Amino acid sequence: MGRCSGRCTLLTLCALQLAAALERQVFDFLGFQWAPILANFLHVLVVIIGLFGALQYRPRYLALYAIWMVLWVTWNTFLICFYLEVGGLSKDSDILTFQASVHRSWWREHGPGCHTRSEVLPASRATPGGLAYISVPGCLLEYQYLEIGHSSLQIVLSLTGFIYACYIINLFTDNEDSFDFIGGFDTYTTAYQATHKPSHLQLQPVYMTK
């Protein structure tokens, strides 16, 4: 696999990552998930930087992209643990909204087959809208599994992008180290001498007879 094919693959991965991140950002906005919204924004920004680095052959940009891929995998692993309630985490907590609202994942009320019912809460418990979702019956797939699916897709794309970014950076490094200054100058000297051969002719006196 050459540098061109690796670069094309990385460009395709970056495009897929942008599409997946923007799709996820839309639904996080609808669910007022402030922590994922901020994380998605940073992810889109770094992926654009990685895209530019792949187009312009900028190893430093690709290194930043590769580092972010590690952090992004860590974040999505946390989200998976959060929705699976691993290690004492609760998917009903407000940590993803910075405890600024009582909103949850948008898929909780709008998943496939879900029919949301609501009731008016007492004044002491009422939300700004005056309604609270109390049950979501008939869902074909629980919302946490949809969120886990999104995070799993992000992890797969990120790991693949990390591998290709490291591969392209390694190619850049090898190309820079492969220039042989001594051999290069020897080749240049040989070529110069071949095109500028010194004259070996000696001037001989000419005798003229009377």
C-alpha atoms as a PDB file:
ATOM      1  CA  MET A   1       0.000   0.000   0.000  1.00  0.00           C
ATOM      2  CA  GLY A   2       1.590   3.238  -1.148  1.00  0.00           C
ATOM      3  CA  ARG A   3       1.351   6.711   0.227  1.00  0.00           C
ATOM      4  CA  CYS A   4      -1.268   7.747  -2.324  1.00  0.00           C
ATOM      5  CA  SER A   5      -3.626   4.861  -1.526  1.00  0.00           C
ATOM      6  CA  GLY A   6      -3.155   5.352   2.219  1.00  0.00           C
ATOM      7  CA  ARG A   7      -3.878   9.053   1.886  1.00  0.00           C
ATOM      8  CA  CYS A   8      -7.018   8.385  -0.174  1.00  0.00           C
ATOM      9  CA  THR A   9      -8.242   5.909   2.438  1.00  0.00           C
ATOM     10  CA  LEU A  10      -7.633   8.417   5.231  1.00  0.00           C
ATOM     11  CA  LEU A  11      -9.510  11.111   3.302  1.00  0.00           C
ATOM     12  CA  THR A  12     -12.455   8.742   2.920  1.00  0.00           C
ATOM     13  CA  LEU A  13     -12.363   7.927   6.631  1.00  0.00           C
ATOM     14  CA  CYS A  14     -12.319  11.618   7.532  1.00  0.00           C
ATOM     15  CA  ALA A  15     -15.340  12.219   5.300  1.00  0.00           C
ATOM     16  CA  LEU A  16     -17.206   9.345   6.985  1.00  0.00           C
ATOM     17  CA  GLN A  17     -16.250  10.653  10.409  1.00  0.00           C
ATOM     18  CA  LEU A  18     -17.559  14.108   9.552  1.00  0.00           C
ATOM     19  CA  ALA A  19     -20.852  12.693   8.306  1.00  0.00           C
ATOM     20  CA  ALA A  20     -21.284  10.481  11.393  1.00  0.00           C
ATOM     21  CA  ALA A  21     -20.327  13.291  13.788  1.00  0.00           C
ATOM     22  CA  LEU A  22     -22.700  15.809  12.190  1.00  0.00           C
ATOM     23  CA  GLU A  23     -25.549  13.280  12.276  1.00  0.00           C
ATOM     24  CA  ARG A  24     -24.862  12.625  15.931  1.00  0.00           C
ATOM     25  CA  GLN A  25     -24.586  16.348  16.673  1.00  0.00           C
ATOM     26  CA  VAL A  26     -28.083  16.970  15.329  1.00  0.00           C
ATOM     27  CA  PHE A  27     -29.693  14.446  17.676  1.00  0.00           C
ATOM     28  CA  ASP A  28     -27.588  15.572  20.640  1.00  0.00           C
ATOM     29  CA  PHE A  29     -28.853  19.118  20.026  1.00  0.00           C
ATOM     30  CA  LEU A  30     -32.419  17.831  19.968  1.00  0.00           C
ATOM     31  CA  GLY A  31     -31.817  16.101  23.299  1.00  0.00           C
ATOM     32  CA  PHE A  32     -29.925  19.059  24.826  1.00  0.00           C
ATOM     33  CA  GLN A  33     -26.970  16.824  25.629  1.00  0.00           C
ATOM     34  CA  TRP A  34     -24.469  19.592  26.291  1.00  0.00           C
ATOM     35  CA  ALA A  35     -21.378  17.492  27.021  1.00  0.00           C
ATOM     36  CA  PRO A  36     -21.720  15.412  23.822  1.00  0.00           C
ATOM     37  CA  ILE A  37     -22.462  18.604  21.853  1.00  0.00           C
ATOM     38  CA  LEU A  38     -19.171  20.145  22.977  1.00  0.00           C
ATOM     39  CA  ALA A  39     -17.267  16.913  22.343  1.00  0.00           C
ATOM     40  CA  ASN A  40     -18.778  16.540  18.878  1.00  0.00           C
ATOM     41  CA  PHE A  41     -17.813  20.113  18.003  1.00  0.00           C
ATOM     42  CA  LEU A  42     -14.177  19.491  18.965  1.00  0.00           C
ATOM     43  CA  HIS A  43     -14.233  16.216  17.058  1.00  0.00           C
ATOM     44  CA  VAL A  44     -15.476  17.870  13.870  1.00  0.00           C
ATOM     45  CA  LEU A  45     -12.799  20.563  14.197  1.00  0.00           C
ATOM     46  CA  VAL A  46      -9.939  18.075  14.622  1.00  0.00           C
ATOM     47  CA  VAL A  47     -11.198  15.835  11.811  1.00  0.00           C
ATOM     48  CA  ILE A  48     -11.172  18.865   9.493  1.00  0.00           C
ATOM     49  CA  ILE A  49      -7.576  19.532  10.571  1.00  0.00           C
ATOM     50  CA  GLY A  50      -6.703  15.896   9.845  1.00  0.00           C
ATOM     51  CA  LEU A  51      -8.414  16.170   6.471  1.00  0.00           C
ATOM     52  CA  PHE A  52      -6.321  19.227   5.638  1.00  0.00           C
ATOM     53  CA  GLY A  53      -3.172  17.464   6.869  1.00  0.00           C
ATOM     54  CA  ALA A  54      -3.822  14.513   4.586  1.00  0.00           C
ATOM     55  CA  LEU A  55      -4.464  16.785   1.601  1.00  0.00           C
ATOM     56  CA  GLN A  56      -1.443  19.007   2.172  1.00  0.00           C
ATOM     57  CA  TYR A  57       0.967  16.353   3.536  1.00  0.00           C
ATOM     58  CA  ARG A  58       1.272  17.976   6.983  1.00  0.00           C
ATOM     59  CA  PRO A  59       2.588  15.381   9.465  1.00  0.00           C
ATOM     60  CA  ARG A  60       1.992  17.654  12.474  1.00  0.00           C
ATOM     61  CA  TYR A  61      -1.670  18.010  11.656  1.00  0.00           C
ATOM     62  CA  LEU A  62      -1.925  14.249  11.236  1.00  0.00           C
ATOM     63  CA  ALA A  63      -0.178  13.758  14.589  1.00  0.00           C
ATOM     64  CA  LEU A  64      -2.769  16.008  16.251  1.00  0.00           C
ATOM     65  CA  TYR A  65      -5.505  14.039  14.511  1.00  0.00           C
ATOM     66  CA  ALA A  66      -4.028  10.722  15.712  1.00  0.00           C
ATOM     67  CA  ILE A  67      -3.808  11.942  19.319  1.00  0.00           C
ATOM     68  CA  TRP A  68      -7.413  13.110  19.214  1.00  0.00           C
ATOM     69  CA  MET A  69      -8.509   9.732  17.876  1.00  0.00           C
ATOM     70  CA  VAL A  70      -7.182   8.142  21.073  1.00  0.00           C
ATOM     71  CA  LEU A  71      -9.090  10.670  23.193  1.00  0.00           C
ATOM     72  CA  TRP A  72     -12.212  10.190  21.072  1.00  0.00           C
ATOM     73  CA  VAL A  73     -12.098   6.427  21.552  1.00  0.00           C
ATOM     74  CA  THR A  74     -11.793   7.019  25.304  1.00  0.00           C
ATOM     75  CA  TRP A  75     -14.802   9.360  25.296  1.00  0.00           C
ATOM     76  CA  ASN A  76     -16.995   6.960  23.343  1.00  0.00           C
ATOM     77  CA  THR A  77     -15.930   4.088  25.583  1.00  0.00           C
ATOM     78  CA  PHE A  78     -17.112   6.176  28.534  1.00  0.00           C
ATOM     79  CA  LEU A  79     -20.458   6.752  26.793  1.00  0.00           C
ATOM     80  CA  ILE A  80     -20.881   3.023  26.258  1.00  0.00           C
ATOM     81  CA  CYS A  81     -20.157   2.397  29.936  1.00  0.00           C
ATOM     82  CA  PHE A  82     -22.550   5.221  30.852  1.00  0.00           C
ATOM     83  CA  TYR A  83     -25.496   3.773  28.926  1.00  0.00           C
ATOM     84  CA  LEU A  84     -24.701   0.245  30.121  1.00  0.00           C
ATOM     85  CA  GLU A  85     -24.476   1.610  33.692  1.00  0.00           C
ATOM     86  CA  VAL A  86     -21.047   0.124  34.263  1.00  0.00           C
ATOM     87  CA  GLY A  87     -19.149   0.972  37.452  1.00  0.00           C
ATOM     88  CA  GLY A  88     -21.983   2.714  39.243  1.00  0.00           C
ATOM     89  CA  LEU A  89     -22.879   5.003  36.343  1.00  0.00           C
ATOM     90  CA  SER A  90     -26.556   5.684  35.715  1.00  0.00           C
ATOM     91  CA  LYS A  91     -28.011   6.498  32.317  1.00  0.00           C
ATOM     92  CA  ASP A  92     -30.736   8.521  34.086  1.00  0.00           C
ATOM     93  CA  SER A  93     -28.269  10.985  35.612  1.00  0.00           C
ATOM     94  CA  ASP A  94     -27.762  14.526  34.335  1.00  0.00           C
ATOM     95  CA  ILE A  95     -23.997  14.461  33.888  1.00  0.00           C
ATOM     96  CA  LEU A  96     -24.236  14.682  30.086  1.00  0.00           C
ATOM     97  CA  THR A  97     -26.297  17.860  30.377  1.00  0.00           C
ATOM     98  CA  PHE A  98     -23.987  19.392  33.034  1.00  0.00           C
ATOM     99  CA  GLN A  99     -27.039  19.146  35.336  1.00  0.00           C
ATOM    100  CA  ALA A 100     -28.439  22.208  33.551  1.00  0.00           C
ATOM    101  CA  SER A 101     -31.605  20.438  32.412  1.00  0.00           C
ATOM    102  CA  VAL A 102     -33.570  17.218  32.849  1.00  0.00           C
ATOM    103  CA  HIS A 103     -33.315  16.238  29.209  1.00  0.00           C
ATOM    104  CA  ARG A 104     -32.114  12.827  28.133  1.00  0.00           C
ATOM    105  CA  SER A 105     -31.163  11.237  24.866  1.00  0.00           C
ATOM    106  CA  TRP A 106     -33.485  12.255  22.019  1.00  0.00           C
ATOM    107  CA  TRP A 107     -33.862   8.586  21.139  1.00  0.00           C
ATOM    108  CA  ARG A 108     -35.462   7.896  24.527  1.00  0.00           C
ATOM    109  CA  GLU A 109     -38.789   9.357  23.389  1.00  0.00           C
ATOM    110  CA  HIS A 110     -38.381   9.162  19.609  1.00  0.00           C
ATOM    111  CA  GLY A 111     -36.869   5.754  18.992  1.00  0.00           C
ATOM    112  CA  PRO A 112     -38.332   3.240  16.542  1.00  0.00           C
ATOM    113  CA  GLY A 113     -41.872   2.345  17.600  1.00  0.00           C
ATOM    114  CA  CYS A 114     -41.914   4.515  20.737  1.00  0.00           C
ATOM    115  CA  HIS A 115     -45.195   6.136  21.866  1.00  0.00           C
ATOM    116  CA  THR A 116     -44.553   8.768  24.497  1.00  0.00           C
ATOM    117  CA  ARG A 117     -47.076   9.516  27.228  1.00  0.00           C
ATOM    118  CA  SER A 118     -46.837  12.548  29.495  1.00  0.00           C
ATOM    119  CA  GLU A 119     -48.572  14.042  32.503  1.00  0.00           C
ATOM    120  CA  VAL A 120     -48.645  17.415  34.247  1.00  0.00           C
ATOM    121  CA  LEU A 121     -46.390  17.491  37.299  1.00  0.00           C
ATOM    122  CA  PRO A 122     -47.131  19.291  40.551  1.00  0.00           C
ATOM    123  CA  ALA A 123     -45.850  22.862  40.782  1.00  0.00           C
ATOM    124  CA  SER A 124     -42.929  21.841  42.999  1.00  0.00           C
ATOM    125  CA  ARG A 125     -41.676  19.332  40.411  1.00  0.00           C
ATOM    126  CA  ALA A 126     -42.766  20.959  37.200  1.00  0.00           C
ATOM    127  CA  THR A 127     -40.303  21.461  34.427  1.00  0.00           C
ATOM    128  CA  PRO A 128     -40.238  24.690  32.367  1.00  0.00           C
ATOM    129  CA  GLY A 129     -42.593  23.085  29.877  1.00  0.00           C
ATOM    130  CA  GLY A 130     -44.922  21.786  32.588  1.00  0.00           C
ATOM    131  CA  LEU A 131     -44.762  18.221  31.249  1.00  0.00           C
ATOM    132  CA  ALA A 132     -42.599  15.238  32.058  1.00  0.00           C
ATOM    133  CA  TYR A 133     -42.291  11.966  30.177  1.00  0.00           C
ATOM    134  CA  ILE A 134     -43.305   9.132  32.448  1.00  0.00           C
ATOM    135  CA  SER A 135     -43.247   6.170  30.095  1.00  0.00           C
ATOM    136  CA  VAL A 136     -42.237   5.316  26.553  1.00  0.00           C
ATOM    137  CA  PRO A 137     -43.989   2.056  25.665  1.00  0.00           C
ATOM    138  CA  GLY A 138     -43.684   0.008  22.516  1.00  0.00           C
ATOM    139  CA  CYS A 139     -40.102   0.863  21.561  1.00  0.00           C
ATOM    140  CA  LEU A 140     -38.648  -1.660  19.148  1.00  0.00           C
ATOM    141  CA  LEU A 141     -35.142  -0.868  20.410  1.00  0.00           C
ATOM    142  CA  GLU A 142     -34.204   0.738  23.702  1.00  0.00           C
ATOM    143  CA  TYR A 143     -32.571   4.151  23.336  1.00  0.00           C
ATOM    144  CA  GLN A 144     -29.402   3.167  25.163  1.00  0.00           C
ATOM    145  CA  TYR A 145     -28.610   0.574  22.508  1.00  0.00           C
ATOM    146  CA  LEU A 146     -28.997   3.194  19.790  1.00  0.00           C
ATOM    147  CA  GLU A 147     -26.554   5.417  21.646  1.00  0.00           C
ATOM    148  CA  ILE A 148     -24.180   2.487  22.111  1.00  0.00           C
ATOM    149  CA  GLY A 149     -24.413   1.799  18.379  1.00  0.00           C
ATOM    150  CA  HIS A 150     -23.437   5.400  17.616  1.00  0.00           C
ATOM    151  CA  SER A 151     -20.476   5.225  19.978  1.00  0.00           C
ATOM    152  CA  SER A 152     -19.355   1.860  18.612  1.00  0.00           C
ATOM    153  CA  LEU A 153     -19.364   3.244  15.070  1.00  0.00           C
ATOM    154  CA  GLN A 154     -17.287   6.210  16.219  1.00  0.00           C
ATOM    155  CA  ILE A 155     -14.780   3.875  17.869  1.00  0.00           C
ATOM    156  CA  VAL A 156     -14.374   1.759  14.723  1.00  0.00           C
ATOM    157  CA  LEU A 157     -13.857   4.824  12.526  1.00  0.00           C
ATOM    158  CA  SER A 158     -11.471   6.401  15.021  1.00  0.00           C
ATOM    159  CA  LEU A 159      -9.294   3.320  15.405  1.00  0.00           C
ATOM    160  CA  THR A 160      -9.070   2.918  11.633  1.00  0.00           C
ATOM    161  CA  GLY A 161      -8.253   6.605  11.213  1.00  0.00           C
ATOM    162  CA  PHE A 162      -5.562   6.373  13.894  1.00  0.00           C
ATOM    163  CA  ILE A 163      -3.899   3.446  12.119  1.00  0.00           C
ATOM    164  CA  TYR A 164      -3.864   5.165   8.735  1.00  0.00           C
ATOM    165  CA  ALA A 165      -2.680   8.473  10.202  1.00  0.00           C
ATOM    166  CA  CYS A 166       0.269   6.729  11.873  1.00  0.00           C
ATOM    167  CA  TYR A 167       1.018   4.891   8.640  1.00  0.00           C
ATOM    168  CA  ILE A 168       1.121   8.087   6.583  1.00  0.00           C
ATOM    169  CA  ILE A 169       3.236   9.882   9.211  1.00  0.00           C
ATOM    170  CA  ASN A 170       5.665   6.963   9.091  1.00  0.00           C
ATOM    171  CA  LEU A 171       5.848   7.251   5.298  1.00  0.00           C
ATOM    172  CA  PHE A 172       6.640  10.951   5.555  1.00  0.00           C
ATOM    173  CA  THR A 173       9.419  10.206   8.051  1.00  0.00           C
ATOM    174  CA  ASP A 174      10.900   7.448   5.903  1.00  0.00           C
ATOM    175  CA  ASN A 175      10.916   9.680   2.827  1.00  0.00           C
ATOM    176  CA  GLU A 176      12.736  12.427   4.704  1.00  0.00           C
ATOM    177  CA  ASP A 177      15.344  10.027   6.099  1.00  0.00           C
ATOM    178  CA  SER A 178      15.895   8.196   2.816  1.00  0.00           C
ATOM    179  CA  PHE A 179      17.698  11.107   1.150  1.00  0.00           C
ATOM    180  CA  ASP A 180      21.379  10.187   1.085  1.00  0.00           C
ATOM    181  CA  PHE A 181      23.323  13.391   1.201  1.00  0.00           C
ATOM    182  CA  ILE A 182      26.669  11.729   0.456  1.00  0.00           C
ATOM    183  CA  GLY A 183      25.304   9.583  -2.314  1.00  0.00           C
ATOM    184  CA  GLY A 184      23.287  12.488  -3.591  1.00  0.00           C
ATOM    185  CA  PHE A 185      26.297  14.716  -3.848  1.00  0.00           C
ATOM    186  CA  ASP A 186      28.382  11.914  -5.393  1.00  0.00           C
ATOM    187  CA  THR A 187      25.746  11.400  -8.041  1.00  0.00           C
ATOM    188  CA  TYR A 188      25.601  15.116  -8.674  1.00  0.00           C
ATOM    189  CA  THR A 189      29.397  15.346  -8.923  1.00  0.00           C
ATOM    190  CA  THR A 190      29.540  12.422 -11.345  1.00  0.00           C
ATOM    191  CA  ALA A 191      26.859  13.935 -13.520  1.00  0.00           C
ATOM    192  CA  TYR A 192      28.591  17.308 -13.441  1.00  0.00           C
ATOM    193  CA  GLN A 193      31.902  15.786 -14.443  1.00  0.00           C
ATOM    194  CA  ALA A 194      30.241  13.816 -17.218  1.00  0.00           C
ATOM    195  CA  THR A 195      28.815  16.969 -18.737  1.00  0.00           C
ATOM    196  CA  HIS A 196      31.943  19.040 -18.181  1.00  0.00           C
ATOM    197  CA  LYS A 197      34.847  16.849 -19.241  1.00  0.00           C
ATOM    198  CA  PRO A 198      38.206  18.612 -19.076  1.00  0.00           C
ATOM    199  CA  SER A 199      40.213  18.833 -22.238  1.00  0.00           C
ATOM    200  CA  HIS A 200      43.319  16.598 -22.340  1.00  0.00           C
ATOM    201  CA  LEU A 201      44.699  18.028 -25.553  1.00  0.00           C
ATOM    202  CA  GLN A 202      48.209  19.509 -25.329  1.00  0.00           C
ATOM    203  CA  LEU A 203      49.366  22.313 -27.490  1.00  0.00           C
ATOM    204  CA  GLN A 204      52.260  21.243 -29.701  1.00  0.00           C
ATOM    205  CA  PRO A 205      54.651  23.666 -31.336  1.00  0.00           C
ATOM    206  CA  VAL A 206      54.333  23.924 -35.067  1.00  0.00           C
ATOM    207  CA  TYR A 207      57.568  24.024 -37.127  1.00  0.00           C
ATOM    208  CA  MET A 208      57.451  25.555 -40.474  1.00  0.00           C
ATOM    209  CA  THR A 209      60.100  24.664 -43.070  1.00  0.00           C
ATOM    210  CA  LYS A 210      61.559  27.203 -45.387  1.00  0.00           C
END
